[in-house]
C-alpha cells in the first residue's frame, strides 16, 4: 500500500485524498448538478451503443440508450473499466483497448455504516480512525454527518474476508463486524443503533470495489495507453487516476484533466480553416 501510493500517510494527511468532507453528503453533489441540468438528465437509461465517425477535422457522435439518443462531438466514459464492455462501440474499439480492458477488474469490498447515539470515541479521546491488516474490518473511520449529534463509523471488509462473511447469516455477519470495530474503539461499538451494509459486488453498475486494477504485469504492459482516447471517446474515472486513485480526490483530478484535454482538442478543430 505504501509502496504503490507514495505513503501510507496519504490516507491520513491533510490536504490530500481524505481530508475533506462534503456537507450534506457526496450524493448532494450529483443532486445539485442534476437540478441545474434539469430535463437534460435522463435517469434509468444506461448507454447501450456509441456510434461515431469523422466529420471534417472532428467527429460526429451519437450515443444511444433505450430512452434517449444524444448527438455530440465528444464522449466521456466516466465509469470503471470493468463496465466498458457493457457498451457497444461502432466502429469497434482498437485491439489494444479490447485486450487492455480484459486485464482490468474490481476486487470485492463491503462498506459498513454503524450509527450510535453519540460519537462515544471522541469522548474517549479517540479519532475513530483505525487500521488493522489482520482484522476483519481493516479500515475504520469517523463518518459522522455534519451537525449530527449521533455518531457514525464507516468500515471496510475486503476480498477473501468479504467472501468469508458473506457465507454467514446476516445476524452472524453483523455480530462479527461490530466485534471487529470494537477491537479498535472498545465495547461501546457493539451497540449500534443502525447497521447498514453496502454490497458493491451485487450492484449492476459497479460489480465490485474499491476500484479497477490490473492483473499481474498488466499496468506495465498497458498503463501507457489507459488514458489514450479513441477518436472522440475519452476514458475518465478515479480508477485511472494517479494521485487520489479510487477516491473522490482522484475523480476530481481526472475530471479536470479530461475536461482540459477535450477543450484543447475542440480548440484544434475550431482553429482549422473551413475550405
Protein backbone atom coordinates (compact mmCIF):
# COMPACT_ATOMS: atom_id res chain seq x y z
CA UNK A 1 0.00 0.00 0.00
CA UNK A 2 2.71 2.45 0.99
CA UNK A 3 4.94 1.49 -1.91
CA UNK A 4 2.25 1.89 -4.56
CA UNK A 5 0.57 5.03 -3.23
CA UNK A 6 3.65 7.02 -2.18
CA UNK A 7 3.00 6.75 1.54
CA UNK A 8 0.54 5.17 3.94
CA UNK A 9 0.13 8.62 5.44
CA UNK A 10 -1.67 9.69 2.23
CA UNK A 11 -4.74 8.17 3.86
CA UNK A 12 -4.45 10.42 6.91
CA UNK A 13 -2.53 13.55 5.82
CA UNK A 14 -4.14 16.95 5.48
CA UNK A 15 -4.72 18.44 2.00
CA UNK A 16 -4.83 15.07 0.25
CA UNK A 17 -7.40 12.37 -0.54
CA UNK A 18 -9.40 12.02 2.70
CA UNK A 19 -9.01 15.34 4.48
CA UNK A 20 -12.29 16.99 3.40
CA UNK A 21 -15.99 16.17 3.68
CA UNK A 22 -18.96 17.46 1.72
CA UNK A 23 -21.66 18.91 3.99
CA UNK A 24 -24.86 17.08 3.13
CA UNK A 25 -23.04 14.04 1.75
CA UNK A 26 -21.42 13.26 -1.60
CA UNK A 27 -24.77 12.48 -3.24
CA UNK A 28 -25.65 16.14 -2.81
CA UNK A 29 -23.06 16.98 -5.49
CA UNK A 30 -24.89 14.84 -8.05
CA UNK A 31 -28.30 16.13 -6.96
CA UNK A 32 -27.28 19.78 -7.27
CA UNK A 33 -25.73 19.24 -10.70
CA UNK A 34 -28.87 17.40 -11.82
CA UNK A 35 -31.02 20.28 -10.57
CA UNK A 36 -29.06 22.73 -12.74
CA UNK A 37 -29.28 20.49 -15.81
CA UNK A 38 -33.00 19.85 -15.43
CA UNK A 39 -34.60 17.74 -18.16
CA UNK A 40 -31.21 17.10 -19.78
CA UNK A 41 -30.63 14.40 -17.16
CA UNK A 42 -32.18 11.10 -18.25
CA UNK A 43 -32.31 8.54 -15.44
CA UNK A 44 -32.63 4.75 -15.62
CA UNK A 45 -31.29 4.88 -19.15
CA UNK A 46 -27.90 3.13 -19.44
CA UNK A 47 -25.96 3.77 -22.63
CA UNK A 48 -26.01 0.77 -24.95
CA UNK A 49 -24.23 2.00 -28.09
CA UNK A 50 -21.74 4.70 -29.06
CA UNK A 51 -21.62 5.42 -32.79
CA UNK A 52 -19.04 7.81 -34.17
CA UNK A 53 -17.47 8.85 -37.46
CA UNK A 54 -15.10 11.53 -38.71
CA UNK A 55 -16.73 14.86 -39.54
CA UNK A 56 -14.41 17.43 -41.11
CA UNK A 57 -11.49 17.84 -38.72
CA UNK A 58 -13.52 16.48 -35.80
CA UNK A 59 -16.07 13.77 -35.12
CA UNK A 60 -19.80 13.20 -35.12
CA UNK A 61 -21.05 11.07 -32.22
CA UNK A 62 -24.43 9.53 -31.44
CA UNK A 63 -24.92 7.92 -28.03
CA UNK A 64 -27.95 5.66 -27.71
CA UNK A 65 -29.94 4.14 -24.86
CA UNK A 66 -33.43 2.68 -24.71
CA UNK A 67 -34.87 6.09 -23.80
CA UNK A 68 -32.61 8.65 -25.43
CA UNK A 69 -30.39 9.40 -28.40
CA UNK A 70 -27.78 12.15 -27.90
CA UNK A 71 -25.64 13.80 -30.57
CA UNK A 72 -22.28 15.24 -29.59
CA UNK A 73 -18.68 15.87 -30.62
CA UNK A 74 -17.04 14.06 -27.69
CA UNK A 75 -17.94 11.26 -25.26
CA UNK A 76 -16.60 10.81 -21.72
CA UNK A 77 -16.73 7.26 -20.34
CA UNK A 78 -16.83 8.11 -16.62
CA UNK A 79 -17.35 4.52 -15.45
CA UNK A 80 -14.81 1.99 -14.16
CA UNK A 81 -13.01 -0.05 -16.82
CA UNK A 82 -14.81 -3.27 -15.90
CA UNK A 83 -18.01 -1.69 -17.29
CA UNK A 84 -16.59 -0.52 -20.63
CA UNK A 85 -17.72 -3.75 -22.28
CA UNK A 86 -21.35 -3.11 -21.28
CA UNK A 87 -21.41 -0.63 -24.17
CA UNK A 88 -21.18 -1.49 -27.87
CA UNK A 89 -18.89 0.69 -29.97
CA UNK A 90 -19.32 1.41 -33.66
CA UNK A 91 -16.72 1.23 -35.07
CA UNK A 92 -15.31 -1.37 -32.64
CA UNK A 93 -12.55 -0.33 -30.28
CA UNK A 94 -8.96 -0.98 -31.40
CA UNK A 95 -7.27 -4.28 -30.50
CA UNK A 96 -5.16 -2.60 -27.82
CA UNK A 97 -8.26 -1.37 -25.98
CA UNK A 98 -10.01 -4.73 -26.25
CA UNK A 99 -7.02 -6.50 -24.75
CA UNK A 100 -6.34 -3.92 -22.05
CA UNK A 101 -9.90 -3.94 -20.72
CA UNK A 102 -9.76 -7.71 -20.26
CA UNK A 103 -6.85 -7.26 -17.86
CA UNK A 104 -8.67 -4.84 -15.54
CA UNK A 105 -11.06 -5.99 -12.82
CA UNK A 106 -12.52 -4.92 -9.50
CA UNK A 107 -11.97 -6.51 -6.13
CA UNK A 108 -14.68 -7.16 -3.53
CA UNK A 109 -15.35 -4.79 -0.63
CA UNK A 110 -18.24 -4.49 1.81
CA UNK A 111 -18.82 -1.00 3.17
CA UNK A 112 -20.44 -0.90 6.61
CA UNK A 113 -22.05 2.02 8.43
CA UNK A 114 -22.72 1.76 12.16
CA UNK A 115 -24.64 4.60 13.84
CA UNK A 116 -24.56 5.29 17.59
CA UNK A 117 -26.44 7.61 19.94
CA UNK A 118 -23.26 9.69 20.36
CA UNK A 119 -19.75 9.70 18.87
CA UNK A 120 -18.52 7.94 22.01
CA UNK A 121 -14.95 7.54 20.70
CA UNK A 122 -14.48 11.30 20.78
CA UNK A 123 -15.45 11.32 24.44
CA UNK A 124 -12.66 8.78 24.97
CA UNK A 125 -10.15 10.99 23.15
CA UNK A 126 -10.04 8.78 20.04
CA UNK A 127 -10.20 9.90 16.42
CA UNK A 128 -12.34 7.00 15.23
CA UNK A 129 -9.71 6.02 12.66
CA UNK A 130 -8.22 2.55 12.78
CA UNK A 131 -6.23 0.23 10.52
CA UNK A 132 -5.62 -3.47 11.02
CA UNK A 133 -4.16 -5.63 8.27
CA UNK A 134 -5.24 -8.83 10.00
CA UNK A 135 -8.58 -7.55 11.26
CA UNK A 136 -11.91 -8.46 9.66
CA UNK A 137 -12.69 -4.76 9.29
CA UNK A 138 -9.35 -3.49 8.03
CA UNK A 139 -10.23 0.23 7.98
CA UNK A 140 -12.48 2.26 10.28
CA UNK A 141 -13.21 6.00 10.06
CA UNK A 142 -15.37 8.55 11.86
CA UNK A 143 -18.06 9.27 9.26
CA UNK A 144 -20.38 11.36 11.44
CA UNK A 145 -22.58 13.74 9.44
CA UNK A 146 -22.06 17.46 9.84
CA UNK A 147 -24.20 18.82 12.67
CA UNK A 148 -25.49 15.37 13.70
CA UNK A 149 -25.50 14.62 17.44
CA UNK A 150 -25.27 10.91 16.69
CA UNK A 151 -22.00 9.22 15.81
CA UNK A 152 -21.36 7.23 12.65
CA UNK A 153 -18.49 4.88 11.92
CA UNK A 154 -17.71 3.51 8.48
CA UNK A 155 -15.67 0.36 7.96
CA UNK A 156 -14.48 -1.77 5.05
CA UNK A 157 -14.16 -5.54 4.66
CA UNK A 158 -12.25 -6.69 1.62
CA UNK A 159 -11.55 -9.63 -0.66
CA UNK A 160 -11.31 -13.07 0.98
CA UNK A 161 -12.57 -11.68 4.29
CA UNK A 162 -15.65 -10.38 2.47
CA UNK A 163 -16.10 -13.80 0.85
CA UNK A 164 -15.98 -15.45 4.26
CA UNK A 165 -18.53 -13.20 5.99
CA UNK A 166 -20.96 -13.47 3.09
CA UNK A 167 -21.18 -17.17 3.94
CA UNK A 168 -22.60 -16.22 7.35
CA UNK A 169 -26.18 -15.31 8.16
CA UNK A 170 -26.97 -11.59 8.25
CA UNK A 171 -27.15 -11.66 12.06
CA UNK A 172 -23.86 -13.53 12.49
CA UNK A 173 -22.16 -11.24 9.96
CA UNK A 174 -23.30 -8.12 11.83
CA UNK A 175 -22.02 -9.59 15.11
CA UNK A 176 -18.59 -10.37 13.64
CA UNK A 177 -18.29 -6.95 12.01
CA UNK A 178 -19.19 -5.00 15.15
CA UNK A 179 -16.82 -7.12 17.20
CA UNK A 180 -14.04 -6.22 14.79
CA UNK A 181 -14.85 -2.50 15.03
CA UNK A 182 -14.93 -2.83 18.82
CA UNK A 183 -11.37 -4.16 18.76
CA UNK A 184 -10.34 -0.65 17.66
CA UNK A 185 -12.67 1.51 19.72
CA UNK A 186 -13.95 -0.52 22.67
CA UNK A 187 -17.10 -2.42 23.58
CA UNK A 188 -19.40 0.57 23.05
CA UNK A 189 -19.01 -0.12 19.33
CA UNK A 190 -21.04 -3.30 19.80
CA UNK A 191 -24.24 -1.33 20.48
CA UNK A 192 -25.00 0.20 17.09
CA UNK A 193 -28.49 1.71 16.77
CA UNK A 194 -28.34 1.45 12.97
CA UNK A 195 -26.29 -1.04 10.96
CA UNK A 196 -26.11 -0.96 7.15
CA UNK A 197 -24.02 -2.89 4.64
CA UNK A 198 -23.27 -1.76 1.07
CA UNK A 199 -22.63 -4.81 -1.09
CA UNK A 200 -20.92 -3.21 -4.09
CA UNK A 201 -20.27 -6.57 -5.69
CA UNK A 202 -24.02 -7.05 -6.21
CA UNK A 203 -24.56 -3.61 -7.76
CA UNK A 204 -25.03 -3.92 -11.52
CA UNK A 205 -23.18 -0.69 -12.30
CA UNK A 206 -20.18 -1.26 -10.06
CA UNK A 207 -19.81 -5.06 -9.68
CA UNK A 208 -17.09 -4.72 -7.09
CA UNK A 209 -14.85 -2.32 -5.20
CA UNK A 210 -12.85 -0.33 -4.42
CA UNK A 211 -11.59 0.27 -7.93
CA UNK A 212 -10.28 -1.43 -11.05
CA UNK A 213 -6.74 -2.75 -11.03
CA UNK A 214 -4.62 -4.71 -13.48
CA UNK A 215 -3.70 -8.34 -13.21
CA UNK A 216 -0.03 -9.23 -12.71
CA UNK A 217 2.10 -7.26 -15.17
CA UNK A 218 -0.90 -5.50 -16.67
CA UNK A 219 -0.03 -1.98 -15.58
CA UNK A 220 3.48 -2.30 -17.01
CA UNK A 221 2.10 -3.67 -20.26
CA UNK A 222 -0.91 -1.41 -20.80
CA UNK A 223 -0.51 1.56 -18.44
CA UNK A 224 0.79 3.95 -21.11
CA UNK A 225 -2.43 3.51 -23.10
CA UNK A 226 -5.10 3.61 -20.41
CA UNK A 227 -5.74 7.35 -20.92
CA UNK A 228 -5.47 7.25 -24.72
CA UNK A 229 -8.69 8.47 -26.30
CA UNK A 230 -10.25 6.53 -29.17
CA UNK A 231 -11.35 9.20 -31.61
CA UNK A 232 -13.91 11.26 -29.67
CA UNK A 233 -14.12 8.78 -26.77
CA UNK A 234 -12.26 9.76 -23.58
CA UNK A 235 -11.82 7.47 -20.58
CA UNK A 236 -12.12 9.22 -17.22
CA UNK A 237 -12.68 7.80 -13.74
CA UNK A 238 -10.86 7.64 -10.42
CA UNK A 239 -9.85 4.09 -11.39
CA UNK A 240 -7.41 5.67 -13.85
CA UNK A 241 -6.09 8.37 -11.54
CA UNK A 242 -2.54 8.51 -10.23
CA UNK A 243 -2.86 10.78 -7.20
CA UNK A 244 -6.16 10.08 -5.49
CA UNK A 245 -6.66 6.70 -7.14
CA UNK A 246 -10.07 5.20 -6.23
CA UNK A 247 -11.07 8.27 -4.20
CA UNK A 248 -13.19 11.35 -4.89
CA UNK A 249 -9.94 13.31 -4.95
CA UNK A 250 -8.82 11.22 -7.95
CA UNK A 251 -12.21 11.59 -9.64
CA UNK A 252 -11.95 15.38 -9.42
CA UNK A 253 -8.39 15.31 -10.77
CA UNK A 254 -9.42 13.07 -13.67
CA UNK A 255 -12.43 15.25 -14.43
CA UNK A 256 -10.30 18.37 -14.59
CA UNK A 257 -7.64 16.69 -16.72
CA UNK A 258 -10.17 15.21 -19.15
CA UNK A 259 -12.04 18.50 -19.49
CA UNK A 260 -8.76 20.23 -20.32
CA UNK A 261 -7.92 17.62 -22.97
CA UNK A 262 -11.34 17.98 -24.61
CA UNK A 263 -11.15 21.77 -24.59
CA UNK A 264 -7.74 21.53 -26.26
CA UNK A 265 -9.00 19.04 -28.84
CA UNK A 266 -12.03 21.18 -29.59
CA UNK A 267 -9.84 24.27 -29.96
CA UNK A 268 -7.67 22.49 -32.51
CA UNK A 269 -10.76 21.60 -34.56
CA UNK A 270 -12.11 25.13 -34.33
CA UNK A 271 -8.74 26.53 -35.43
CA UNK A 272 -8.78 24.58 -38.72
CA UNK A 273 -9.96 26.89 -41.53
CA UNK A 274 -13.02 25.72 -43.44
CA UNK A 275 -12.17 25.08 -47.10
